[in-house]
Amino acid sequence: MSGRAKQTAAATEELGYEQARDELIEVVRRLEAGGTTLEESLALWERGEELAGVCRRWLDGARARLDAALAEEAGEEDSGEAE
């Protein structure tokens, strides 16, 4: 991976969910509008895949946090009933 590609990948990983989602919406809009060359379309597609991965990781992390909080709450309720 080139230095530029590593910088781009690192910058993508630092995006917040909303930033990645908004950029992904723009990528999809541009792809749907057409009028781009094959090379541009492929680059947009690749960027969209990267952004979708960022969004997926954010959502997976949020789900894990929610599941942990619900499990903790259920554990506290079980402890409270045992007393």
Protein backbone atom coordinates (compact mmCIF):
# COMPACT_ATOMS: atom_id res chain seq x y z
CA MET A 1 0.00 0.00 0.00
CA SER A 2 1.38 3.39 -0.97
CA GLY A 3 1.91 6.20 1.51
CA ARG A 4 -1.05 8.09 0.10
CA ALA A 5 -3.31 5.03 0.32
CA LYS A 6 -2.28 4.51 3.95
CA GLN A 7 -3.07 8.16 4.75
CA THR A 8 -6.46 7.86 3.05
CA ALA A 9 -7.26 4.62 4.91
CA ALA A 10 -6.25 6.19 8.23
CA ALA A 11 -8.34 9.28 7.54
CA THR A 12 -11.32 7.08 6.65
CA GLU A 13 -10.98 5.15 9.91
CA GLU A 14 -11.08 8.42 11.87
CA LEU A 15 -14.42 9.49 10.37
CA GLY A 16 -17.38 9.67 12.68
CA TYR A 17 -20.54 7.80 11.78
CA GLU A 18 -22.41 10.87 10.56
CA GLN A 19 -19.47 12.05 8.45
CA ALA A 20 -19.08 8.64 6.82
CA ARG A 21 -22.84 8.33 6.26
CA ASP A 22 -23.09 11.76 4.67
CA GLU A 23 -20.14 11.13 2.37
CA LEU A 24 -21.58 7.73 1.45
CA ILE A 25 -24.89 9.39 0.52
CA GLU A 26 -22.99 11.76 -1.76
CA VAL A 27 -21.06 8.88 -3.37
CA VAL A 28 -24.30 7.01 -4.07
CA ARG A 29 -25.89 10.17 -5.48
CA ARG A 30 -22.96 10.68 -7.85
CA LEU A 31 -23.02 7.06 -8.97
CA GLU A 32 -26.76 7.15 -9.58
CA ALA A 33 -26.49 10.41 -11.52
CA GLY A 34 -24.08 8.81 -13.97
CA GLY A 35 -21.95 10.84 -16.30
CA THR A 36 -18.67 9.62 -14.82
CA THR A 37 -15.97 7.64 -16.54
CA LEU A 38 -15.47 3.99 -15.74
CA GLU A 39 -12.36 4.86 -13.74
CA GLU A 40 -14.23 7.52 -11.74
CA SER A 41 -17.13 5.15 -11.14
CA LEU A 42 -14.79 2.46 -9.87
CA ALA A 43 -13.06 4.94 -7.56
CA LEU A 44 -16.44 6.09 -6.24
CA TRP A 45 -17.53 2.49 -5.71
CA GLU A 46 -14.35 1.69 -3.78
CA ARG A 47 -14.80 4.80 -1.64
CA GLY A 48 -18.40 3.81 -1.00
CA GLU A 49 -17.29 0.37 0.17
CA GLU A 50 -14.78 1.97 2.57
CA LEU A 51 -17.42 4.32 3.93
CA ALA A 52 -19.97 1.53 4.31
CA GLY A 53 -17.38 -0.40 6.33
CA VAL A 54 -16.85 2.59 8.62
CA CYS A 55 -20.60 2.91 9.15
CA ARG A 56 -20.91 -0.83 9.80
CA ARG A 57 -18.15 -0.72 12.43
CA TRP A 58 -19.80 2.24 14.20
CA LEU A 59 -23.18 0.49 14.19
CA ASP A 60 -21.67 -2.82 15.38
CA GLY A 61 -19.93 -0.97 18.20
CA ALA A 62 -23.15 0.79 19.18
CA ARG A 63 -25.01 -2.53 19.18
CA ALA A 64 -22.33 -4.12 21.37
CA ARG A 65 -22.54 -1.24 23.84
CA LEU A 66 -26.32 -1.45 23.92
CA ASP A 67 -26.25 -5.23 24.40
CA ALA A 68 -23.72 -4.86 27.23
CA ALA A 69 -25.84 -2.20 28.93
CA LEU A 70 -28.97 -4.35 28.62
CA ALA A 71 -27.13 -7.40 29.96
CA GLU A 72 -25.80 -5.36 32.88
CA GLU A 73 -29.29 -4.04 33.62
CA ALA A 74 -30.72 -7.56 33.49
CA GLY A 75 -27.97 -8.78 35.82
CA GLU A 76 -28.76 -6.01 38.31
CA GLU A 77 -32.45 -6.90 38.20
CA ASP A 78 -31.61 -10.56 38.85
CA SER A 79 -29.41 -9.56 41.80
CA GLY A 80 -32.13 -7.34 43.20
CA GLU A 81 -34.70 -10.14 43.06
CA ALA A 82 -32.39 -12.56 44.88
CA GLU A 83 -32.12 -10.29 47.91
